[in-house]
Every structure is written in structure tokens, then in C-alpha cells.
Amino acid sequence: MTGSNVKRDKVGQLAVEYAASTSTGIDDIVVLATPVVMLIKELLWLFLVCLLFPVAII
């Protein structure tokens, strides 16, 4: 994002950029992003388990 109305915040190790002109706060962004992050985490965990224990799939 470019422009003067861009806010940048850091959430843990994640840098977040969002338009300051909206009424969305950083708390709302974290709430919206949490399910996506959890889904990615679960998919990565499943992939890791399948690599380490391929016999468990059969």
C-alpha cells in the first residue's frame, strides 16, 4: 500500500499495513486473520505428519 493514510503495526513477528481512513482497528484485523493463520498451521501440521509417518495414512 502506498499513500499518506497507511498505518503500519507489528503483531508479534508479523508486520501489518492497513488504510488509516477505515474504521478497522488493529484488533479487528487480528480477529479476521486468526482463522486463516490457524488453517495454515493445521495444513502444515498435517503435511509434516504425513511426511514423518507415511504408514499412518494407509
N, C-alpha and C. Protein backbone atom coordinates (compact mmCIF):
# COMPACT_ATOMS: atom_id res chain seq x y z
N MET A 1 0.84 -1.19 0.00
CA MET A 1 0.00 0.00 0.00
C MET A 1 0.88 1.25 0.00
N THR A 2 0.45 2.20 -0.73
CA THR A 2 1.17 3.47 -0.73
C THR A 2 0.20 4.58 -0.42
N GLY A 3 0.73 5.68 0.03
CA GLY A 3 -0.12 6.83 0.34
C GLY A 3 0.12 7.30 1.76
N SER A 4 -0.46 8.44 2.08
CA SER A 4 -0.23 9.03 3.40
C SER A 4 -1.17 8.47 4.45
N ASN A 5 -2.23 7.78 4.06
CA ASN A 5 -3.19 7.25 5.03
C ASN A 5 -2.95 5.78 5.35
N VAL A 6 -1.69 5.36 5.31
CA VAL A 6 -1.37 3.97 5.58
C VAL A 6 -0.77 3.87 6.98
N LYS A 7 -1.33 2.96 7.77
CA LYS A 7 -0.79 2.72 9.11
C LYS A 7 -0.05 1.39 9.09
N ARG A 8 1.01 1.33 9.86
CA ARG A 8 1.79 0.10 9.98
C ARG A 8 1.89 -0.28 11.45
N ASP A 9 1.52 -1.50 11.75
CA ASP A 9 1.62 -2.01 13.12
C ASP A 9 2.30 -3.36 13.07
N LYS A 10 2.88 -3.73 14.20
CA LYS A 10 3.52 -5.03 14.29
C LYS A 10 2.72 -5.89 15.25
N VAL A 11 2.31 -7.07 14.80
CA VAL A 11 1.57 -8.03 15.61
C VAL A 11 2.46 -9.25 15.76
N GLY A 12 3.13 -9.36 16.89
CA GLY A 12 4.11 -10.43 17.05
C GLY A 12 5.25 -10.19 16.08
N GLN A 13 5.52 -11.16 15.21
CA GLN A 13 6.56 -11.01 14.19
C GLN A 13 5.99 -10.59 12.85
N LEU A 14 4.68 -10.36 12.81
CA LEU A 14 4.01 -10.04 11.56
C LEU A 14 3.80 -8.53 11.45
N ALA A 15 4.26 -7.94 10.36
CA ALA A 15 4.05 -6.52 10.10
C ALA A 15 2.76 -6.38 9.30
N VAL A 16 1.87 -5.50 9.76
CA VAL A 16 0.56 -5.33 9.13
C VAL A 16 0.44 -3.89 8.63
N GLU A 17 0.03 -3.74 7.38
CA GLU A 17 -0.25 -2.42 6.81
C GLU A 17 -1.73 -2.34 6.49
N TYR A 18 -2.34 -1.23 6.81
CA TYR A 18 -3.75 -1.05 6.51
C TYR A 18 -4.05 0.43 6.36
N ALA A 19 -5.13 0.73 5.65
CA ALA A 19 -5.52 2.11 5.41
C ALA A 19 -6.06 2.72 6.70
N ALA A 20 -5.53 3.87 7.05
CA ALA A 20 -5.94 4.54 8.28
C ALA A 20 -7.30 5.21 8.14
N SER A 21 -7.77 5.38 6.92
CA SER A 21 -9.04 6.07 6.71
C SER A 21 -10.24 5.19 7.06
N THR A 22 -10.02 3.88 7.19
CA THR A 22 -11.12 3.00 7.54
C THR A 22 -11.30 2.97 9.04
N SER A 23 -12.43 2.48 9.48
CA SER A 23 -12.69 2.40 10.91
C SER A 23 -12.19 1.08 11.50
N THR A 24 -11.51 0.27 10.70
CA THR A 24 -11.00 -1.01 11.16
C THR A 24 -9.75 -0.79 11.99
N GLY A 25 -9.77 -1.29 13.20
CA GLY A 25 -8.61 -1.19 14.07
C GLY A 25 -7.74 -2.42 13.98
N ILE A 26 -6.59 -2.36 14.60
CA ILE A 26 -5.67 -3.49 14.56
C ILE A 26 -6.28 -4.71 15.24
N ASP A 27 -7.10 -4.50 16.25
CA ASP A 27 -7.76 -5.63 16.91
C ASP A 27 -8.68 -6.37 15.95
N ASP A 28 -9.40 -5.63 15.11
CA ASP A 28 -10.29 -6.25 14.13
C ASP A 28 -9.50 -7.04 13.09
N ILE A 29 -8.35 -6.52 12.70
CA ILE A 29 -7.51 -7.21 11.72
C ILE A 29 -6.99 -8.52 12.29
N VAL A 30 -6.58 -8.50 13.54
CA VAL A 30 -6.09 -9.73 14.19
C VAL A 30 -7.22 -10.75 14.29
N VAL A 31 -8.41 -10.29 14.64
CA VAL A 31 -9.56 -11.20 14.75
C VAL A 31 -9.88 -11.83 13.39
N LEU A 32 -9.80 -11.05 12.32
CA LEU A 32 -10.08 -11.57 10.99
C LEU A 32 -8.98 -12.51 10.49
N ALA A 33 -7.74 -12.24 10.86
CA ALA A 33 -6.62 -13.04 10.36
C ALA A 33 -6.43 -14.33 11.13
N THR A 34 -6.90 -14.41 12.36
CA THR A 34 -6.65 -15.59 13.19
C THR A 34 -7.15 -16.90 12.56
N PRO A 35 -8.36 -16.99 12.04
CA PRO A 35 -8.79 -18.26 11.43
C PRO A 35 -7.92 -18.67 10.24
N VAL A 36 -7.47 -17.71 9.46
CA VAL A 36 -6.62 -18.00 8.31
C VAL A 36 -5.28 -18.56 8.77
N VAL A 37 -4.71 -17.95 9.78
CA VAL A 37 -3.43 -18.41 10.31
C VAL A 37 -3.58 -19.80 10.91
N MET A 38 -4.67 -20.05 11.62
CA MET A 38 -4.89 -21.37 12.22
C MET A 38 -5.05 -22.44 11.14
N LEU A 39 -5.74 -22.11 10.05
CA LEU A 39 -5.92 -23.05 8.95
C LEU A 39 -4.58 -23.41 8.32
N ILE A 40 -3.75 -22.41 8.07
CA ILE A 40 -2.43 -22.65 7.50
C ILE A 40 -1.60 -23.51 8.44
N LYS A 41 -1.68 -23.23 9.73
CA LYS A 41 -0.93 -24.01 10.72
C LYS A 41 -1.38 -25.47 10.71
N GLU A 42 -2.67 -25.71 10.66
CA GLU A 42 -3.18 -27.08 10.65
C GLU A 42 -2.78 -27.82 9.38
N LEU A 43 -2.82 -27.13 8.23
CA LEU A 43 -2.42 -27.77 6.98
C LEU A 43 -0.93 -28.11 6.98
N LEU A 44 -0.12 -27.22 7.52
CA LEU A 44 1.31 -27.51 7.62
C LEU A 44 1.57 -28.66 8.57
N TRP A 45 0.84 -28.72 9.68
CA TRP A 45 0.99 -29.80 10.64
C TRP A 45 0.61 -31.14 10.00
N LEU A 46 -0.49 -31.16 9.26
CA LEU A 46 -0.92 -32.37 8.57
C LEU A 46 0.13 -32.82 7.56
N PHE A 47 0.67 -31.88 6.81
CA PHE A 47 1.71 -32.19 5.83
C PHE A 47 2.94 -32.77 6.52
N LEU A 48 3.34 -32.18 7.65
CA LEU A 48 4.51 -32.66 8.38
C LEU A 48 4.29 -34.08 8.90
N VAL A 49 3.12 -34.34 9.46
CA VAL A 49 2.80 -35.67 9.98
C VAL A 49 2.81 -36.70 8.86
N CYS A 50 2.27 -36.34 7.70
CA CYS A 50 2.25 -37.26 6.56
C CYS A 50 3.65 -37.57 6.06
N LEU A 51 4.56 -36.60 6.16
CA LEU A 51 5.94 -36.85 5.75
C LEU A 51 6.68 -37.73 6.74
N LEU A 52 6.44 -37.51 8.02
CA LEU A 52 7.17 -38.28 9.04
C LEU A 52 6.60 -39.67 9.24
N PHE A 53 5.29 -39.82 9.11
CA PHE A 53 4.64 -41.09 9.37
C PHE A 53 3.75 -41.50 8.18
N PRO A 54 4.36 -41.84 7.03
CA PRO A 54 3.54 -42.18 5.86
C PRO A 54 2.72 -43.46 6.04
N VAL A 55 3.12 -44.34 6.95
CA VAL A 55 2.39 -45.58 7.17
C VAL A 55 1.03 -45.30 7.81
N ALA A 56 0.91 -44.21 8.57
CA ALA A 56 -0.32 -43.89 9.27
C ALA A 56 -1.46 -43.56 8.30
N ILE A 57 -1.14 -43.21 7.06
CA ILE A 57 -2.16 -42.85 6.08
C ILE A 57 -2.87 -44.10 5.56
N ILE A 58 -2.14 -45.19 5.46
CA ILE A 58 -2.68 -46.43 4.86
C ILE A 58 -3.70 -47.09 5.76
